[in-house]
Structure formats: structure tokens, C-alpha cells
Amino acid sequence: MHNFVSDIVYQAPQQGNWWLSGGGWFVLALVNAGLAEQKNRSRWNWFVVSLFLGPVATFFVVVWEPVTEPALEVRNPFARADDRYLTLAFLALVGTIGALLFTLAGQAWYMWLASAVGAAAVVVFLLLFRRARAQRMLARAHARSV
């Protein structure tokens, strides 16, 4: 016969394993990310490192000195036209590969059309990239000669 107290007693040892099953490591990774930010380090990098190293990463975050030099400035990938077209070509390539894999796995006729459109977009963006890069290099050479 089941009673409420025996269910609680039976579940008690299982609740102690939450730390080892990943919950505690995730919480520790969040704490390490906060500590890293206070020492002018990357939150995301230390979060990922802490997921794998756990308490060892905590030790290093606490012991290492804070970063005193300013962080590197993040570049905008869409600042120049050639970078813009190259990024768009890469995104179109990823979409095309995904559509192709979906086509081969599911054999849907409309995904062949999506793959063809994606491949055409990749070609167009790469051609625009080459033209924009050539224009930028020409402008740079002209500026040096003047």
C-alpha cells in the first residue's frame, strides 16, 4: 500500500543528484559569467568554458587579475559593401545547403526550387562581392597615387 510519506522518502535521494546531472553546472556557469564580467572579461566565453570545466573555471576567474586594457572594438560586418555581399552570400549558401539536405531527405519537389533560387542568390551575391571589392581596391589605389 502506497502512502504519501513513503513517496517523499523514496524521492529524496533523487533530488540530491541535480548538481551532478547538470543543474548545478549550469548555475555555476552563470555565476562564473557574472564574475568574468566584473573582471572585464567576456561573459559568453567564460559561460561556455564553465559548462565544461565547472569549478576549475571558477578558480581561474577568481584568481586571475582583471583585464585593464580596453576591449577590442567589434566590427560591423555590414560596414562595407563587399563585406555585406560576402555575408549575404554565406547566409544564402547555408540556406541552400539546408534546402538541399531537406530535399534529399524528404524528396519534396518545391525544395528543389528553393535550392535553385538559393544557388542563384549565392552566385549573384558573390558577383556583387567581387565587383564591390574591385571598386574598393581601385579607390584605395587611386587614393595612394594622389
C-alpha atoms as a PDB file:
ATOM      1  CA  MET A   1       0.000   0.000   0.000  1.00  0.00           C
ATOM      2  CA  HIS A   2       1.335   3.421  -1.037  1.00  0.00           C
ATOM      3  CA  ASN A   3       1.309   6.351   1.266  1.00  0.00           C
ATOM      4  CA  PHE A   4       2.447   9.932   0.851  1.00  0.00           C
ATOM      5  CA  VAL A   5       5.397   9.748   3.276  1.00  0.00           C
ATOM      6  CA  SER A   6       6.960   6.721   1.579  1.00  0.00           C
ATOM      7  CA  ASP A   7       6.847   8.565  -1.775  1.00  0.00           C
ATOM      8  CA  ILE A   8       8.682  11.533  -0.272  1.00  0.00           C
ATOM      9  CA  VAL A   9      11.307   9.324   1.351  1.00  0.00           C
ATOM     10  CA  TYR A  10      11.799   7.406  -1.881  1.00  0.00           C
ATOM     11  CA  GLN A  11      12.308  10.611  -3.910  1.00  0.00           C
ATOM     12  CA  ALA A  12      14.729  12.271  -1.504  1.00  0.00           C
ATOM     13  CA  PRO A  13      17.911  10.614  -2.853  1.00  0.00           C
ATOM     14  CA  GLN A  14      16.960  11.510  -6.430  1.00  0.00           C
ATOM     15  CA  GLN A  15      16.735  15.211  -5.609  1.00  0.00           C
ATOM     16  CA  GLY A  16      20.336  15.242  -4.409  1.00  0.00           C
ATOM     17  CA  ASN A  17      21.624  14.398  -7.909  1.00  0.00           C
ATOM     18  CA  TRP A  18      20.502  17.626  -9.563  1.00  0.00           C
ATOM     19  CA  TRP A  19      24.019  19.074  -9.109  1.00  0.00           C
ATOM     20  CA  LEU A  20      25.679  16.152 -10.886  1.00  0.00           C
ATOM     21  CA  SER A  21      23.066  15.904 -13.642  1.00  0.00           C
ATOM     22  CA  GLY A  22      23.829  19.382 -14.948  1.00  0.00           C
ATOM     23  CA  GLY A  23      21.684  21.817 -12.993  1.00  0.00           C
ATOM     24  CA  GLY A  24      24.477  22.841 -10.670  1.00  0.00           C
ATOM     25  CA  TRP A  25      26.995  23.141 -13.503  1.00  0.00           C
ATOM     26  CA  PHE A  26      24.625  25.442 -15.362  1.00  0.00           C
ATOM     27  CA  VAL A  27      24.131  27.637 -12.285  1.00  0.00           C
ATOM     28  CA  LEU A  28      27.893  27.694 -11.701  1.00  0.00           C
ATOM     29  CA  ALA A  29      28.428  28.714 -15.344  1.00  0.00           C
ATOM     30  CA  LEU A  30      26.010  31.625 -14.864  1.00  0.00           C
ATOM     31  CA  VAL A  31      27.833  32.721 -11.706  1.00  0.00           C
ATOM     32  CA  ASN A  32      31.194  32.470 -13.494  1.00  0.00           C
ATOM     33  CA  ALA A  33      29.853  34.587 -16.348  1.00  0.00           C
ATOM     34  CA  GLY A  34      28.909  37.291 -13.848  1.00  0.00           C
ATOM     35  CA  LEU A  35      32.313  37.113 -12.170  1.00  0.00           C
ATOM     36  CA  ALA A  36      34.058  37.317 -15.531  1.00  0.00           C
ATOM     37  CA  GLU A  37      32.090  40.412 -16.492  1.00  0.00           C
ATOM     38  CA  GLN A  38      33.174  42.117 -13.277  1.00  0.00           C
ATOM     39  CA  LYS A  39      36.792  41.484 -14.288  1.00  0.00           C
ATOM     40  CA  ASN A  40      36.252  42.912 -17.809  1.00  0.00           C
ATOM     41  CA  ARG A  41      36.271  39.504 -19.457  1.00  0.00           C
ATOM     42  CA  SER A  42      33.814  38.005 -21.919  1.00  0.00           C
ATOM     43  CA  ARG A  43      30.663  36.692 -20.262  1.00  0.00           C
ATOM     44  CA  TRP A  44      29.845  34.334 -23.115  1.00  0.00           C
ATOM     45  CA  ASN A  45      33.337  32.793 -23.330  1.00  0.00           C
ATOM     46  CA  TRP A  46      33.500  32.145 -19.603  1.00  0.00           C
ATOM     47  CA  PHE A  47      29.978  30.743 -19.568  1.00  0.00           C
ATOM     48  CA  VAL A  48      30.897  28.177 -22.237  1.00  0.00           C
ATOM     49  CA  VAL A  49      34.231  27.345 -20.568  1.00  0.00           C
ATOM     50  CA  SER A  50      32.442  26.916 -17.242  1.00  0.00           C
ATOM     51  CA  LEU A  51      29.989  24.449 -18.737  1.00  0.00           C
ATOM     52  CA  PHE A  52      32.932  22.145 -19.437  1.00  0.00           C
ATOM     53  CA  LEU A  53      35.351  22.931 -16.609  1.00  0.00           C
ATOM     54  CA  GLY A  54      32.970  23.926 -13.806  1.00  0.00           C
ATOM     55  CA  PRO A  55      34.812  24.637 -10.531  1.00  0.00           C
ATOM     56  CA  VAL A  56      38.198  24.829 -12.294  1.00  0.00           C
ATOM     57  CA  ALA A  57      36.909  27.761 -14.354  1.00  0.00           C
ATOM     58  CA  THR A  58      35.634  29.368 -11.155  1.00  0.00           C
ATOM     59  CA  PHE A  59      39.097  29.101  -9.671  1.00  0.00           C
ATOM     60  CA  PHE A  60      40.690  30.805 -12.678  1.00  0.00           C
ATOM     61  CA  VAL A  61      38.065  33.572 -12.844  1.00  0.00           C
ATOM     62  CA  VAL A  62      38.606  34.376  -9.181  1.00  0.00           C
ATOM     63  CA  VAL A  63      42.433  34.154  -9.199  1.00  0.00           C
ATOM     64  CA  TRP A  64      43.265  35.937 -12.461  1.00  0.00           C
ATOM     65  CA  GLU A  65      43.712  39.690 -12.465  1.00  0.00           C
ATOM     66  CA  PRO A  66      41.078  41.894 -14.107  1.00  0.00           C
ATOM     67  CA  VAL A  67      41.705  42.980 -17.676  1.00  0.00           C
ATOM     68  CA  THR A  68      42.846  46.601 -17.682  1.00  0.00           C
ATOM     69  CA  GLU A  69      43.188  47.331 -21.395  1.00  0.00           C
ATOM     70  CA  PRO A  70      40.012  48.270 -23.256  1.00  0.00           C
ATOM     71  CA  ALA A  71      38.176  45.547 -25.110  1.00  0.00           C
ATOM     72  CA  LEU A  72      38.564  45.265 -28.860  1.00  0.00           C
ATOM     73  CA  GLU A  73      36.015  47.153 -30.854  1.00  0.00           C
ATOM     74  CA  VAL A  74      33.575  44.838 -32.574  1.00  0.00           C
ATOM     75  CA  ARG A  75      33.447  45.439 -36.301  1.00  0.00           C
ATOM     76  CA  ASN A  76      30.139  45.686 -38.062  1.00  0.00           C
ATOM     77  CA  PRO A  77      30.047  43.058 -40.831  1.00  0.00           C
ATOM     78  CA  PHE A  78      27.840  45.331 -42.919  1.00  0.00           C
ATOM     79  CA  ALA A  79      30.087  48.403 -42.763  1.00  0.00           C
ATOM     80  CA  ARG A  80      31.456  47.986 -46.303  1.00  0.00           C
ATOM     81  CA  ALA A  81      29.581  46.853 -49.388  1.00  0.00           C
ATOM     82  CA  ASP A  82      31.907  43.948 -50.162  1.00  0.00           C
ATOM     83  CA  ASP A  83      31.576  42.610 -46.617  1.00  0.00           C
ATOM     84  CA  ARG A  84      27.817  42.968 -46.908  1.00  0.00           C
ATOM     85  CA  TYR A  85      27.651  40.916 -50.081  1.00  0.00           C
ATOM     86  CA  LEU A  86      30.017  38.268 -48.756  1.00  0.00           C
ATOM     87  CA  THR A  87      27.913  37.863 -45.597  1.00  0.00           C
ATOM     88  CA  LEU A  88      24.729  37.615 -47.635  1.00  0.00           C
ATOM     89  CA  ALA A  89      26.370  35.053 -49.938  1.00  0.00           C
ATOM     90  CA  PHE A  90      27.356  32.959 -46.927  1.00  0.00           C
ATOM     91  CA  LEU A  91      23.834  33.114 -45.495  1.00  0.00           C
ATOM     92  CA  ALA A  92      22.348  32.172 -48.864  1.00  0.00           C
ATOM     93  CA  LEU A  93      24.804  29.265 -49.100  1.00  0.00           C
ATOM     94  CA  VAL A  94      23.777  27.955 -45.691  1.00  0.00           C
ATOM     95  CA  GLY A  95      20.110  28.216 -46.642  1.00  0.00           C
ATOM     96  CA  THR A  96      20.745  26.485 -49.949  1.00  0.00           C
ATOM     97  CA  ILE A  97      22.595  23.611 -48.284  1.00  0.00           C
ATOM     98  CA  GLY A  98      19.771  23.251 -45.768  1.00  0.00           C
ATOM     99  CA  ALA A  99      17.160  23.215 -48.534  1.00  0.00           C
ATOM    100  CA  LEU A 100      19.198  20.664 -50.472  1.00  0.00           C
ATOM    101  CA  LEU A 101      19.517  18.376 -47.459  1.00  0.00           C
ATOM    102  CA  PHE A 102      15.789  18.706 -46.797  1.00  0.00           C
ATOM    103  CA  THR A 103      15.125  17.922 -50.458  1.00  0.00           C
ATOM    104  CA  LEU A 104      17.231  14.774 -50.404  1.00  0.00           C
ATOM    105  CA  ALA A 105      15.740  13.565 -47.129  1.00  0.00           C
ATOM    106  CA  GLY A 106      12.087  14.390 -47.807  1.00  0.00           C
ATOM    107  CA  GLN A 107      12.008  14.422 -51.616  1.00  0.00           C
ATOM    108  CA  ALA A 108       9.727  17.446 -51.789  1.00  0.00           C
ATOM    109  CA  TRP A 109       9.599  18.974 -55.273  1.00  0.00           C
ATOM    110  CA  TYR A 110       9.277  22.559 -54.048  1.00  0.00           C
ATOM    111  CA  MET A 111      12.542  22.294 -52.110  1.00  0.00           C
ATOM    112  CA  TRP A 112      14.362  21.725 -55.427  1.00  0.00           C
ATOM    113  CA  LEU A 113      13.022  25.111 -56.461  1.00  0.00           C
ATOM    114  CA  ALA A 114      14.147  26.672 -53.180  1.00  0.00           C
ATOM    115  CA  SER A 115      17.612  25.133 -53.648  1.00  0.00           C
ATOM    116  CA  ALA A 116      17.859  26.537 -57.177  1.00  0.00           C
ATOM    117  CA  VAL A 117      16.807  30.009 -56.018  1.00  0.00           C
ATOM    118  CA  GLY A 118      19.323  29.824 -53.154  1.00  0.00           C
ATOM    119  CA  ALA A 119      22.112  28.770 -55.511  1.00  0.00           C
ATOM    120  CA  ALA A 120      21.259  31.649 -57.840  1.00  0.00           C
ATOM    121  CA  ALA A 121      21.332  34.043 -54.874  1.00  0.00           C
ATOM    122  CA  VAL A 122      24.776  32.743 -53.885  1.00  0.00           C
ATOM    123  CA  VAL A 123      26.090  33.394 -57.394  1.00  0.00           C
ATOM    124  CA  VAL A 124      24.562  36.884 -57.538  1.00  0.00           C
ATOM    125  CA  PHE A 125      25.922  37.869 -54.123  1.00  0.00           C
ATOM    126  CA  LEU A 126      29.391  36.553 -54.976  1.00  0.00           C
ATOM    127  CA  LEU A 127      29.408  38.538 -58.222  1.00  0.00           C
ATOM    128  CA  LEU A 128      28.307  41.677 -56.356  1.00  0.00           C
ATOM    129  CA  PHE A 129      31.014  40.984 -53.767  1.00  0.00           C
ATOM    130  CA  ARG A 130      33.712  40.772 -56.446  1.00  0.00           C
ATOM    131  CA  ARG A 131      32.510  43.991 -58.083  1.00  0.00           C
ATOM    132  CA  ALA A 132      32.366  45.899 -54.774  1.00  0.00           C
ATOM    133  CA  ARG A 133      35.794  44.574 -53.747  1.00  0.00           C
ATOM    134  CA  ALA A 134      37.286  45.626 -57.096  1.00  0.00           C
ATOM    135  CA  GLN A 135      35.772  49.109 -56.741  1.00  0.00           C
ATOM    136  CA  ARG A 136      37.138  49.456 -53.207  1.00  0.00           C
ATOM    137  CA  MET A 137      40.615  48.311 -54.266  1.00  0.00           C
ATOM    138  CA  LEU A 138      40.539  50.705 -57.214  1.00  0.00           C
ATOM    139  CA  ALA A 139      39.540  53.585 -54.936  1.00  0.00           C
ATOM    140  CA  ARG A 140      42.301  52.647 -52.482  1.00  0.00           C
ATOM    141  CA  ALA A 141      44.905  52.536 -55.286  1.00  0.00           C
ATOM    142  CA  HIS A 142      43.683  55.885 -56.593  1.00  0.00           C
ATOM    143  CA  ALA A 143      43.903  57.417 -53.119  1.00  0.00           C
ATOM    144  CA  ARG A 144      47.504  56.196 -52.716  1.00  0.00           C
ATOM    145  CA  SER A 145      48.581  57.597 -56.060  1.00  0.00           C
ATOM    146  CA  VAL A 146      47.223  61.053 -55.332  1.00  0.00           C
END
